């Protein structure tokens, strides 16, 4: 069983801790173009195999997030797409971790697909 916030932690536990930098863990393939909007002098963005387990935020698409994948350092979870059915929202609420989604983020893609279908 995974128990959040029971063991405690401090900065010495974090292997690559750099004051002033936010660590973001991503799941699924998120566009490098979108991830490049995070300035590298302020953010470390790593994939699923985040080495030091000290992410401040999680970005995911369709990955079914388990509570055991949410480090105690996580302060926010963003679902890149509509809905939050793949995130345990009620448990994250209990832990004080806000969960966001991005409805309409693919609206331009849908518009382009519909227009393409009309013209074909």
C-alpha atoms as a PDB file:
ATOM      1  CA  UNK A   1       0.000   0.000   0.000  1.00  0.00           C
ATOM      2  CA  UNK A   2       1.226   3.483  -0.805  1.00  0.00           C
ATOM      3  CA  UNK A   3       0.950   6.070   1.962  1.00  0.00           C
ATOM      4  CA  UNK A   4       1.449   9.709   0.989  1.00  0.00           C
ATOM      5  CA  UNK A   5       3.003  12.257   3.330  1.00  0.00           C
ATOM      6  CA  UNK A   6       3.601   9.798   6.167  1.00  0.00           C
ATOM      7  CA  UNK A   7       7.365   9.423   5.964  1.00  0.00           C
ATOM      8  CA  UNK A   8       8.334  13.034   5.345  1.00  0.00           C
ATOM      9  CA  UNK A   9      11.259  14.214   3.227  1.00  0.00           C
ATOM     10  CA  UNK A  10      13.793  16.973   3.058  1.00  0.00           C
ATOM     11  CA  UNK A  11      15.976  18.576   0.409  1.00  0.00           C
ATOM     12  CA  UNK A  12      18.889  16.228   1.136  1.00  0.00           C
ATOM     13  CA  UNK A  13      16.713  13.308  -0.069  1.00  0.00           C
ATOM     14  CA  UNK A  14      16.457  14.820  -3.543  1.00  0.00           C
ATOM     15  CA  UNK A  15      19.322  13.845  -5.815  1.00  0.00           C
ATOM     16  CA  UNK A  16      19.264  16.658  -8.376  1.00  0.00           C
ATOM     17  CA  UNK A  17      17.556  19.383  -6.358  1.00  0.00           C
ATOM     18  CA  UNK A  18      18.312  22.867  -7.695  1.00  0.00           C
ATOM     19  CA  UNK A  19      16.746  25.795  -5.857  1.00  0.00           C
ATOM     20  CA  UNK A  20      14.556  27.852  -8.155  1.00  0.00           C
ATOM     21  CA  UNK A  21      13.892  25.089 -10.709  1.00  0.00           C
ATOM     22  CA  UNK A  22      10.605  23.231 -11.046  1.00  0.00           C
ATOM     23  CA  UNK A  23      10.678  19.557 -11.987  1.00  0.00           C
ATOM     24  CA  UNK A  24       7.953  18.324 -14.330  1.00  0.00           C
ATOM     25  CA  UNK A  25       7.317  14.645 -15.016  1.00  0.00           C
ATOM     26  CA  UNK A  26       5.509  13.707 -18.220  1.00  0.00           C
ATOM     27  CA  UNK A  27       3.625  10.560 -19.154  1.00  0.00           C
ATOM     28  CA  UNK A  28       2.809   9.603 -22.753  1.00  0.00           C
ATOM     29  CA  UNK A  29       4.309  11.394 -25.705  1.00  0.00           C
ATOM     30  CA  UNK A  30       3.781  15.113 -25.295  1.00  0.00           C
ATOM     31  CA  UNK A  31       4.899  17.336 -28.150  1.00  0.00           C
ATOM     32  CA  UNK A  32       8.454  18.642 -27.756  1.00  0.00           C
ATOM     33  CA  UNK A  33       7.206  21.903 -29.268  1.00  0.00           C
ATOM     34  CA  UNK A  34       4.783  22.324 -26.382  1.00  0.00           C
ATOM     35  CA  UNK A  35       7.323  21.245 -23.778  1.00  0.00           C
ATOM     36  CA  UNK A  36       9.844  23.739 -25.168  1.00  0.00           C
ATOM     37  CA  UNK A  37       7.626  26.549 -23.859  1.00  0.00           C
ATOM     38  CA  UNK A  38       8.978  25.720 -20.399  1.00  0.00           C
ATOM     39  CA  UNK A  39      12.222  27.758 -20.101  1.00  0.00           C
ATOM     40  CA  UNK A  40      15.106  25.382 -19.333  1.00  0.00           C
ATOM     41  CA  UNK A  41      16.575  27.785 -16.779  1.00  0.00           C
ATOM     42  CA  UNK A  42      13.398  27.456 -14.687  1.00  0.00           C
ATOM     43  CA  UNK A  43      12.108  23.930 -15.442  1.00  0.00           C
ATOM     44  CA  UNK A  44      13.449  20.388 -15.708  1.00  0.00           C
ATOM     45  CA  UNK A  45      11.085  18.330 -17.878  1.00  0.00           C
ATOM     46  CA  UNK A  46      11.577  14.545 -17.768  1.00  0.00           C
ATOM     47  CA  UNK A  47       9.666  11.537 -19.100  1.00  0.00           C
ATOM     48  CA  UNK A  48       7.979   8.615 -17.333  1.00  0.00           C
ATOM     49  CA  UNK A  49      11.234   7.230 -16.009  1.00  0.00           C
ATOM     50  CA  UNK A  50      11.932  10.319 -13.931  1.00  0.00           C
ATOM     51  CA  UNK A  51      15.129   9.325 -12.126  1.00  0.00           C
ATOM     52  CA  UNK A  52      14.954  11.055  -8.736  1.00  0.00           C
ATOM     53  CA  UNK A  53      11.263  10.961  -7.841  1.00  0.00           C
ATOM     54  CA  UNK A  54      11.029  14.639  -6.985  1.00  0.00           C
ATOM     55  CA  UNK A  55       8.631  16.072  -9.561  1.00  0.00           C
ATOM     56  CA  UNK A  56       6.656  19.179  -8.640  1.00  0.00           C
ATOM     57  CA  UNK A  57       4.079  18.678 -11.391  1.00  0.00           C
ATOM     58  CA  UNK A  58       2.830  15.913 -13.678  1.00  0.00           C
ATOM     59  CA  UNK A  59       1.690  16.301 -17.298  1.00  0.00           C
ATOM     60  CA  UNK A  60      -0.143  13.386 -18.914  1.00  0.00           C
ATOM     61  CA  UNK A  61      -2.439  12.534 -21.771  1.00  0.00           C
ATOM     62  CA  UNK A  62      -4.086   9.096 -21.757  1.00  0.00           C
ATOM     63  CA  UNK A  63      -1.902   7.362 -19.156  1.00  0.00           C
ATOM     64  CA  UNK A  64      -4.000   5.912 -16.311  1.00  0.00           C
ATOM     65  CA  UNK A  65      -2.272   7.524 -13.346  1.00  0.00           C
ATOM     66  CA  UNK A  66      -1.956   5.462 -10.184  1.00  0.00           C
ATOM     67  CA  UNK A  67      -1.513   7.013  -6.757  1.00  0.00           C
ATOM     68  CA  UNK A  68       1.808   5.195  -6.390  1.00  0.00           C
ATOM     69  CA  UNK A  69       3.142   7.175  -9.384  1.00  0.00           C
ATOM     70  CA  UNK A  70       2.470  10.505  -7.663  1.00  0.00           C
ATOM     71  CA  UNK A  71       5.525  11.535  -5.664  1.00  0.00           C
ATOM     72  CA  UNK A  72       5.073  13.316  -2.340  1.00  0.00           C
ATOM     73  CA  UNK A  73       6.631  16.405  -3.929  1.00  0.00           C
ATOM     74  CA  UNK A  74       3.896  16.747  -6.579  1.00  0.00           C
ATOM     75  CA  UNK A  75       1.868  19.945  -6.228  1.00  0.00           C
ATOM     76  CA  UNK A  76      -0.254  19.840  -9.418  1.00  0.00           C
ATOM     77  CA  UNK A  77      -1.375  17.413 -12.123  1.00  0.00           C
ATOM     78  CA  UNK A  78      -2.324  18.575 -15.619  1.00  0.00           C
ATOM     79  CA  UNK A  79      -4.266  16.372 -18.018  1.00  0.00           C
ATOM     80  CA  UNK A  80      -3.386  17.439 -21.572  1.00  0.00           C
ATOM     81  CA  UNK A  81      -6.852  16.972 -23.047  1.00  0.00           C
ATOM     82  CA  UNK A  82     -10.489  16.991 -22.024  1.00  0.00           C
ATOM     83  CA  UNK A  83     -11.636  15.099 -18.951  1.00  0.00           C
ATOM     84  CA  UNK A  84      -9.833  13.722 -15.932  1.00  0.00           C
ATOM     85  CA  UNK A  85     -11.132  10.143 -15.908  1.00  0.00           C
ATOM     86  CA  UNK A  86      -7.582   8.727 -15.963  1.00  0.00           C
ATOM     87  CA  UNK A  87      -6.529  10.552 -12.772  1.00  0.00           C
ATOM     88  CA  UNK A  88      -7.711   9.598  -9.249  1.00  0.00           C
ATOM     89  CA  UNK A  89      -9.193  13.069  -8.688  1.00  0.00           C
ATOM     90  CA  UNK A  90     -10.936  12.327  -5.382  1.00  0.00           C
ATOM     91  CA  UNK A  91      -7.742  10.966  -3.824  1.00  0.00           C
ATOM     92  CA  UNK A  92      -5.655  13.841  -5.191  1.00  0.00           C
ATOM     93  CA  UNK A  93      -8.202  16.262  -3.705  1.00  0.00           C
ATOM     94  CA  UNK A  94      -7.793  14.574  -0.320  1.00  0.00           C
ATOM     95  CA  UNK A  95      -4.027  15.071  -0.649  1.00  0.00           C
ATOM     96  CA  UNK A  96      -4.435  18.716  -1.669  1.00  0.00           C
ATOM     97  CA  UNK A  97      -3.082  18.190  -5.196  1.00  0.00           C
ATOM     98  CA  UNK A  98      -5.132  20.124  -7.780  1.00  0.00           C
ATOM     99  CA  UNK A  99      -5.937  18.354 -11.051  1.00  0.00           C
ATOM    100  CA  UNK A 100      -6.367  20.431 -14.205  1.00  0.00           C
ATOM    101  CA  UNK A 101      -7.489  19.555 -17.717  1.00  0.00           C
ATOM    102  CA  UNK A 102      -7.263  21.421 -21.005  1.00  0.00           C
ATOM    103  CA  UNK A 103     -10.624  21.160 -22.758  1.00  0.00           C
ATOM    104  CA  UNK A 104     -10.595  22.492 -26.276  1.00  0.00           C
ATOM    105  CA  UNK A 105      -6.828  22.169 -26.612  1.00  0.00           C
ATOM    106  CA  UNK A 106      -7.271  20.176 -29.811  1.00  0.00           C
ATOM    107  CA  UNK A 107     -10.006  22.424 -31.247  1.00  0.00           C
ATOM    108  CA  UNK A 108      -7.827  23.613 -34.141  1.00  0.00           C
ATOM    109  CA  UNK A 109      -7.028  20.029 -35.091  1.00  0.00           C
ATOM    110  CA  UNK A 110     -10.729  19.118 -35.127  1.00  0.00           C
ATOM    111  CA  UNK A 111     -11.531  22.205 -37.204  1.00  0.00           C
ATOM    112  CA  UNK A 112      -8.813  21.344 -39.731  1.00  0.00           C
ATOM    113  CA  UNK A 113      -9.985  17.724 -39.931  1.00  0.00           C
ATOM    114  CA  UNK A 114     -13.612  18.771 -40.567  1.00  0.00           C
ATOM    115  CA  UNK A 115     -12.582  21.259 -43.277  1.00  0.00           C
ATOM    116  CA  UNK A 116     -10.364  18.658 -44.897  1.00  0.00           C
ATOM    117  CA  UNK A 117     -13.290  16.222 -44.931  1.00  0.00           C
ATOM    118  CA  UNK A 118     -15.562  18.830 -46.516  1.00  0.00           C
ATOM    119  CA  UNK A 119     -13.080  19.655 -49.263  1.00  0.00           C
ATOM    120  CA  UNK A 120     -12.362  16.029 -50.089  1.00  0.00           C
END
